[in-house]
PDB file of N, CA and C in Angstrom:
ATOM      1  N   MET A   1       0.574 -11.348  18.776  1.00  0.00           N
ATOM      2  CA  MET A   1       0.699 -11.629  17.369  1.00  0.00           C
ATOM      3  C   MET A   1       1.085  -9.955  16.967  1.00  0.00           C
ATOM      4  N   GLN A   2       1.915  -9.414  16.246  1.00  0.00           N
ATOM      5  CA  GLN A   2       2.084  -8.442  15.544  1.00  0.00           C
ATOM      6  C   GLN A   2       2.177  -8.128  13.786  1.00  0.00           C
ATOM      7  N   PHE A   3       0.961  -7.176  13.565  1.00  0.00           N
ATOM      8  CA  PHE A   3       1.249  -6.645  12.576  1.00  0.00           C
ATOM      9  C   PHE A   3       1.901  -5.701  11.803  1.00  0.00           C
ATOM     10  N   HIS A   4       2.430  -6.082  10.473  1.00  0.00           N
ATOM     11  CA  HIS A   4       3.770  -5.301   9.670  1.00  0.00           C
ATOM     12  C   HIS A   4       2.949  -4.174   9.141  1.00  0.00           C
ATOM     13  N   ILE A   5       2.915  -2.802   8.998  1.00  0.00           N
ATOM     14  CA  ILE A   5       2.454  -2.143   7.791  1.00  0.00           C
ATOM     15  C   ILE A   5       3.301  -1.991   6.769  1.00  0.00           C
ATOM     16  N   PHE A   6       2.744  -1.679   5.592  1.00  0.00           N
ATOM     17  CA  PHE A   6       3.634  -1.424   4.534  1.00  0.00           C
ATOM     18  C   PHE A   6       2.554  -0.558   3.459  1.00  0.00           C
ATOM     19  N   THR A   7       3.536  -0.158   2.533  1.00  0.00           N
ATOM     20  CA  THR A   7       3.105   0.605   1.523  1.00  0.00           C
ATOM     21  C   THR A   7       3.531  -0.400   0.163  1.00  0.00           C
ATOM     22  N   ARG A   8       2.689  -0.218  -0.814  1.00  0.00           N
ATOM     23  CA  ARG A   8       3.341  -0.626  -2.516  1.00  0.00           C
ATOM     24  C   ARG A   8       2.092  -0.645  -3.676  1.00  0.00           C
ATOM     25  N   ASN A   9       2.460  -0.199  -4.738  1.00  0.00           N
ATOM     26  CA  ASN A   9       2.432   0.235  -5.486  1.00  0.00           C
ATOM     27  C   ASN A   9       1.186  -1.023  -6.425  1.00  0.00           C
ATOM     28  N   TRP A  10       0.265  -1.219  -6.903  1.00  0.00           N
ATOM     29  CA  TRP A  10      -0.538  -1.451  -7.402  1.00  0.00           C
ATOM     30  C   TRP A  10      -0.628  -1.689  -9.021  1.00  0.00           C
ATOM     31  N   TRP A  11       0.166  -1.079  -9.483  1.00  0.00           N
ATOM     32  CA  TRP A  11       0.155  -0.896 -11.121  1.00  0.00           C
ATOM     33  C   TRP A  11       1.527  -1.180 -11.594  1.00  0.00           C
ATOM     34  N   LYS A  12       2.261  -0.871 -12.684  1.00  0.00           N
ATOM     35  CA  LYS A  12       3.112  -0.289 -12.830  1.00  0.00           C
ATOM     36  C   LYS A  12       3.099   0.325 -14.635  1.00  0.00           C
ATOM     37  N   ASN A  13       4.233   0.747 -15.111  1.00  0.00           N
ATOM     38  CA  ASN A  13       3.761   1.504 -16.455  1.00  0.00           C
ATOM     39  C   ASN A  13       4.358   0.391 -17.118  1.00  0.00           C
ATOM     40  N   ASN A  14       3.791   0.311 -18.099  1.00  0.00           N
ATOM     41  CA  ASN A  14       3.676  -0.459 -19.063  1.00  0.00           C
ATOM     42  C   ASN A  14       2.828  -0.200 -20.447  1.00  0.00           C
ATOM     43  N   PRO A  15       3.590   0.505 -21.372  1.00  0.00           N
ATOM     44  CA  PRO A  15       3.283   1.575 -22.411  1.00  0.00           C
ATOM     45  C   PRO A  15       2.329   0.628 -23.509  1.00  0.00           C
ATOM     46  N   SER A  16       2.398  -1.159 -23.445  1.00  0.00           N
ATOM     47  CA  SER A  16       1.692  -1.841 -24.167  1.00  0.00           C
ATOM     48  C   SER A  16       0.628  -2.537 -23.275  1.00  0.00           C
ATOM     49  N   TRP A  17       0.831  -1.840 -22.266  1.00  0.00           N
ATOM     50  CA  TRP A  17      -0.837  -1.957 -21.553  1.00  0.00           C
ATOM     51  C   TRP A  17      -1.996  -1.177 -21.667  1.00  0.00           C
ATOM     52  N   PRO A  18      -3.458  -1.304 -21.258  1.00  0.00           N
ATOM     53  CA  PRO A  18      -4.458  -0.282 -22.194  1.00  0.00           C
ATOM     54  C   PRO A  18      -4.187   0.563 -20.779  1.00  0.00           C
ATOM     55  N   ASN A  19      -4.065   2.213 -21.148  1.00  0.00           N
ATOM     56  CA  ASN A  19      -3.709   3.502 -20.084  1.00  0.00           C
ATOM     57  C   ASN A  19      -2.470   3.287 -20.096  1.00  0.00           C
ATOM     58  N   GLY A  20      -1.260   2.426 -20.498  1.00  0.00           N
ATOM     59  CA  GLY A  20      -0.232   2.416 -20.070  1.00  0.00           C
ATOM     60  C   GLY A  20       0.327   1.860 -18.416  1.00  0.00           C
ATOM     61  N   LEU A  21      -0.675   1.383 -17.959  1.00  0.00           N
ATOM     62  CA  LEU A  21      -0.787   0.885 -16.775  1.00  0.00           C
ATOM     63  C   LEU A  21      -0.784  -0.988 -16.707  1.00  0.00           C
ATOM     64  N   GLU A  22       0.176  -1.416 -16.356  1.00  0.00           N
ATOM     65  CA  GLU A  22       0.070  -3.048 -16.126  1.00  0.00           C
ATOM     66  C   GLU A  22      -0.800  -3.643 -14.788  1.00  0.00           C
ATOM     67  N   PRO A  23      -0.986  -4.271 -14.189  1.00  0.00           N
ATOM     68  CA  PRO A  23      -1.864  -4.427 -12.754  1.00  0.00           C
ATOM     69  C   PRO A  23      -0.096  -5.489 -12.135  1.00  0.00           C
ATOM     70  N   HIS A  24       0.142  -5.053 -10.933  1.00  0.00           N
ATOM     71  CA  HIS A  24       1.357  -5.549 -10.441  1.00  0.00           C
ATOM     72  C   HIS A  24       1.489  -4.850  -9.071  1.00  0.00           C
ATOM     73  N   ALA A  25       1.465  -6.164  -7.757  1.00  0.00           N
ATOM     74  CA  ALA A  25       1.701  -5.856  -6.406  1.00  0.00           C
ATOM     75  C   ALA A  25       3.184  -5.856  -6.657  1.00  0.00           C
ATOM     76  N   GLY A  26       3.631  -4.286  -6.629  1.00  0.00           N
ATOM     77  CA  GLY A  26       5.184  -4.048  -5.889  1.00  0.00           C
ATOM     78  C   GLY A  26       5.649  -4.343  -4.357  1.00  0.00           C
ATOM     79  N   ARG A  27       6.725  -3.952  -4.492  1.00  0.00           N
ATOM     80  CA  ARG A  27       7.742  -4.361  -3.368  1.00  0.00           C
ATOM     81  C   ARG A  27       7.047  -3.752  -2.189  1.00  0.00           C
ATOM     82  N   LYS A  28       6.800  -4.277  -0.989  1.00  0.00           N
ATOM     83  CA  LYS A  28       6.368  -3.660   0.152  1.00  0.00           C
ATOM     84  C   LYS A  28       7.729  -2.769   1.088  1.00  0.00           C
ATOM     85  N   THR A  29       7.054  -1.630   1.488  1.00  0.00           N
ATOM     86  CA  THR A  29       8.055  -0.568   2.043  1.00  0.00           C
ATOM     87  C   THR A  29       7.380  -0.536   3.176  1.00  0.00           C
ATOM     88  N   THR A  30       8.245  -0.921   4.646  1.00  0.00           N
ATOM     89  CA  THR A  30       7.494  -0.867   5.904  1.00  0.00           C
ATOM     90  C   THR A  30       7.478   0.445   6.213  1.00  0.00           C
ATOM     91  N   LEU A  31       6.345   0.873   6.886  1.00  0.00           N
ATOM     92  CA  LEU A  31       5.971   2.255   7.374  1.00  0.00           C
ATOM     93  C   LEU A  31       6.118   1.868   9.181  1.00  0.00           C
ATOM     94  N   GLY A  32       6.201   0.354   9.685  1.00  0.00           N
ATOM     95  CA  GLY A  32       5.795   0.584  11.003  1.00  0.00           C
ATOM     96  C   GLY A  32       5.069  -1.308  11.293  1.00  0.00           C
ATOM     97  N   TYR A  33       5.335  -0.896  12.398  1.00  0.00           N
ATOM     98  CA  TYR A  33       4.460  -2.416  13.200  1.00  0.00           C
ATOM     99  C   TYR A  33       3.578  -1.654  14.345  1.00  0.00           C
ATOM    100  N   ALA A  34       2.457  -3.066  14.935  1.00  0.00           N
ATOM    101  CA  ALA A  34       1.345  -2.591  15.422  1.00  0.00           C
ATOM    102  C   ALA A  34       0.954  -3.705  16.341  1.00  0.00           C
ATOM    103  N   ASP A  35       0.381  -3.863  17.450  1.00  0.00           N
ATOM    104  CA  ASP A  35       0.504  -5.165  18.302  1.00  0.00           C
ATOM    105  C   ASP A  35      -0.582  -5.637  18.471  1.00  0.00           C
ATOM    106  N   THR A  36      -1.714  -4.764  17.600  1.00  0.00           N
ATOM    107  CA  THR A  36      -3.416  -5.299  17.547  1.00  0.00           C
ATOM    108  C   THR A  36      -3.702  -5.241  15.954  1.00  0.00           C
ATOM    109  N   GLN A  37      -4.766  -5.266  15.620  1.00  0.00           N
ATOM    110  CA  GLN A  37      -5.559  -5.267  14.639  1.00  0.00           C
ATOM    111  C   GLN A  37      -6.113  -3.643  14.216  1.00  0.00           C
ATOM    112  N   ASP A  38      -6.672  -3.551  15.127  1.00  0.00           N
ATOM    113  CA  ASP A  38      -7.484  -2.024  15.121  1.00  0.00           C
ATOM    114  C   ASP A  38      -6.245  -0.914  15.326  1.00  0.00           C
ATOM    115  N   GLU A  39      -5.046  -1.249  15.904  1.00  0.00           N
ATOM    116  CA  GLU A  39      -3.685  -0.181  15.617  1.00  0.00           C
ATOM    117  C   GLU A  39      -3.760  -0.178  13.933  1.00  0.00           C
ATOM    118  N   ALA A  40      -3.172  -1.568  13.434  1.00  0.00           N
ATOM    119  CA  ALA A  40      -3.119  -1.774  12.273  1.00  0.00           C
ATOM    120  C   ALA A  40      -3.642  -0.813  11.565  1.00  0.00           C
ATOM    121  N   ARG A  41      -5.182  -1.295  11.243  1.00  0.00           N
ATOM    122  CA  ARG A  41      -5.930  -0.300  10.595  1.00  0.00           C
ATOM    123  C   ARG A  41      -6.533   1.094  10.748  1.00  0.00           C
ATOM    124  N   ALA A  42      -5.895   1.355  12.186  1.00  0.00           N
ATOM    125  CA  ALA A  42      -6.137   3.030  12.058  1.00  0.00           C
ATOM    126  C   ALA A  42      -4.301   3.188  11.474  1.00  0.00           C
ATOM    127  N   MET A  43      -3.174   2.625  11.269  1.00  0.00           N
ATOM    128  CA  MET A  43      -2.197   3.315  10.853  1.00  0.00           C
ATOM    129  C   MET A  43      -2.745   3.264   9.242  1.00  0.00           C
ATOM    130  N   CYS A  44      -3.121   2.219   8.946  1.00  0.00           N
ATOM    131  CA  CYS A  44      -3.131   2.203   7.115  1.00  0.00           C
ATOM    132  C   CYS A  44      -4.248   3.494   7.030  1.00  0.00           C
ATOM    133  N   LYS A  45      -5.320   3.559   7.779  1.00  0.00           N
ATOM    134  CA  LYS A  45      -6.302   4.696   7.142  1.00  0.00           C
ATOM    135  C   LYS A  45      -5.646   6.202   7.569  1.00  0.00           C
ATOM    136  N   GLU A  46      -4.986   6.361   8.436  1.00  0.00           N
ATOM    137  CA  GLU A  46      -4.647   7.444   8.228  1.00  0.00           C
ATOM    138  C   GLU A  46      -3.091   8.040   7.339  1.00  0.00           C
ATOM    139  N   TYR A  47      -2.428   6.886   7.409  1.00  0.00           N
ATOM    140  CA  TYR A  47      -1.732   7.093   5.879  1.00  0.00           C
ATOM    141  C   TYR A  47      -2.308   7.300   4.806  1.00  0.00           C
ATOM    142  N   ASN A  48      -3.724   6.283   4.560  1.00  0.00           N
ATOM    143  CA  ASN A  48      -4.114   6.414   3.591  1.00  0.00           C
ATOM    144  C   ASN A  48      -4.836   8.110   2.855  1.00  0.00           C
ATOM    145  N   SER A  49      -5.432   8.484   4.575  1.00  0.00           N
ATOM    146  CA  SER A  49      -6.051   9.723   4.073  1.00  0.00           C
ATOM    147  C   SER A  49      -5.184  10.729   4.466  1.00  0.00           C
ATOM    148  N   THR A  50      -3.938  10.692   4.410  1.00  0.00           N
ATOM    149  CA  THR A  50      -3.050  11.800   3.866  1.00  0.00           C
ATOM    150  C   THR A  50      -2.019  11.552   2.865  1.00  0.00           C
ATOM    151  N   HIS A  51      -2.467  10.229   1.916  1.00  0.00           N
ATOM    152  CA  HIS A  51      -1.288  10.480   0.779  1.00  0.00           C
ATOM    153  C   HIS A  51      -2.428  10.173  -0.152  1.00  0.00           C
ATOM    154  N   LYS A  52      -2.263  10.968  -1.339  1.00  0.00           N
ATOM    155  CA  LYS A  52      -2.551  10.518  -2.404  1.00  0.00           C
ATOM    156  C   LYS A  52      -2.013   9.262  -3.086  1.00  0.00           C
ATOM    157  N   PRO A  53      -2.876   8.574  -3.761  1.00  0.00           N
ATOM    158  CA  PRO A  53      -2.461   7.269  -4.376  1.00  0.00           C
ATOM    159  C   PRO A  53      -1.735   7.609  -5.365  1.00  0.00           C
ATOM    160  N   GLY A  54      -2.232   8.260  -6.388  1.00  0.00           N
ATOM    161  CA  GLY A  54      -1.412   8.391  -7.605  1.00  0.00           C
ATOM    162  C   GLY A  54      -1.544   7.330  -8.735  1.00  0.00           C
ATOM    163  N   ARG A  55      -0.738   7.902  -9.554  1.00  0.00           N
ATOM    164  CA  ARG A  55      -1.159   6.932 -10.630  1.00  0.00           C
ATOM    165  C   ARG A  55      -0.701   5.203 -10.458  1.00  0.00           C
ATOM    166  N   LEU A  56      -0.099   4.827  -9.783  1.00  0.00           N
ATOM    167  CA  LEU A  56       0.423   3.374  -9.883  1.00  0.00           C
ATOM    168  C   LEU A  56      -0.988   2.897  -8.408  1.00  0.00           C
ATOM    169  N   SER A  57      -1.282   3.868  -7.741  1.00  0.00           N
ATOM    170  CA  SER A  57      -2.141   3.451  -6.597  1.00  0.00           C
ATOM    171  C   SER A  57      -1.520   2.651  -5.438  1.00  0.00           C
ATOM    172  N   LYS A  58      -0.444   3.857  -5.197  1.00  0.00           N
ATOM    173  CA  LYS A  58       0.247   3.471  -3.510  1.00  0.00           C
ATOM    174  C   LYS A  58      -0.622   3.250  -2.772  1.00  0.00           C
ATOM    175  N   LYS A  59      -1.079   2.685  -1.648  1.00  0.00           N
ATOM    176  CA  LYS A  59      -1.196   2.441  -0.701  1.00  0.00           C
ATOM    177  C   LYS A  59      -0.826   1.718   0.815  1.00  0.00           C
ATOM    178  N   ALA A  60      -1.475   1.745   1.706  1.00  0.00           N
ATOM    179  CA  ALA A  60      -0.833   1.305   2.822  1.00  0.00           C
ATOM    180  C   ALA A  60      -1.809  -0.146   3.299  1.00  0.00           C
ATOM    181  N   GLU A  61      -1.086  -0.966   3.610  1.00  0.00           N
ATOM    182  CA  GLU A  61      -1.717  -2.572   3.921  1.00  0.00           C
ATOM    183  C   GLU A  61      -0.990  -2.899   5.174  1.00  0.00           C
ATOM    184  N   PHE A  62      -1.758  -3.871   5.262  1.00  0.00           N
ATOM    185  CA  PHE A  62      -1.104  -4.934   6.702  1.00  0.00           C
ATOM    186  C   PHE A  62      -0.492  -5.796   6.441  1.00  0.00           C
ATOM    187  N   GLU A  63      -0.563  -7.128   7.125  1.00  0.00           N
ATOM    188  CA  GLU A  63      -0.457  -8.339   7.131  1.00  0.00           C
ATOM    189  C   GLU A  63       0.089  -8.420   8.918  1.00  0.00           C
ATOM    190  N   SER A  64      -0.390 -10.171   9.498  1.00  0.00           N
ATOM    191  CA  SER A  64       0.136 -10.280  10.460  1.00  0.00           C
ATOM    192  C   SER A  64       1.323 -11.086  10.289  1.00  0.00           C
TER     193      SER A  64
END
C-alpha cells in the first residue's frame, strides 16, 4: 500500500464569519508518497515542524 502525503488549508477567509475565518478543507497539494505508514508520519511531522501553519492552518497529512 502506498501513502499520499499532501498539504491543505483548514480555513478560508470569509469576513462574515467570526474572526474572518470559515471552516473549509481546502484543495490537496501533493508533497510526495511513502511506502509505509511510519514513513508517511515522519514526512508529515518533518513538514509540520519546519512550516508555520499560518492563518489558514495549512498542514501536512496523509492518506492511503
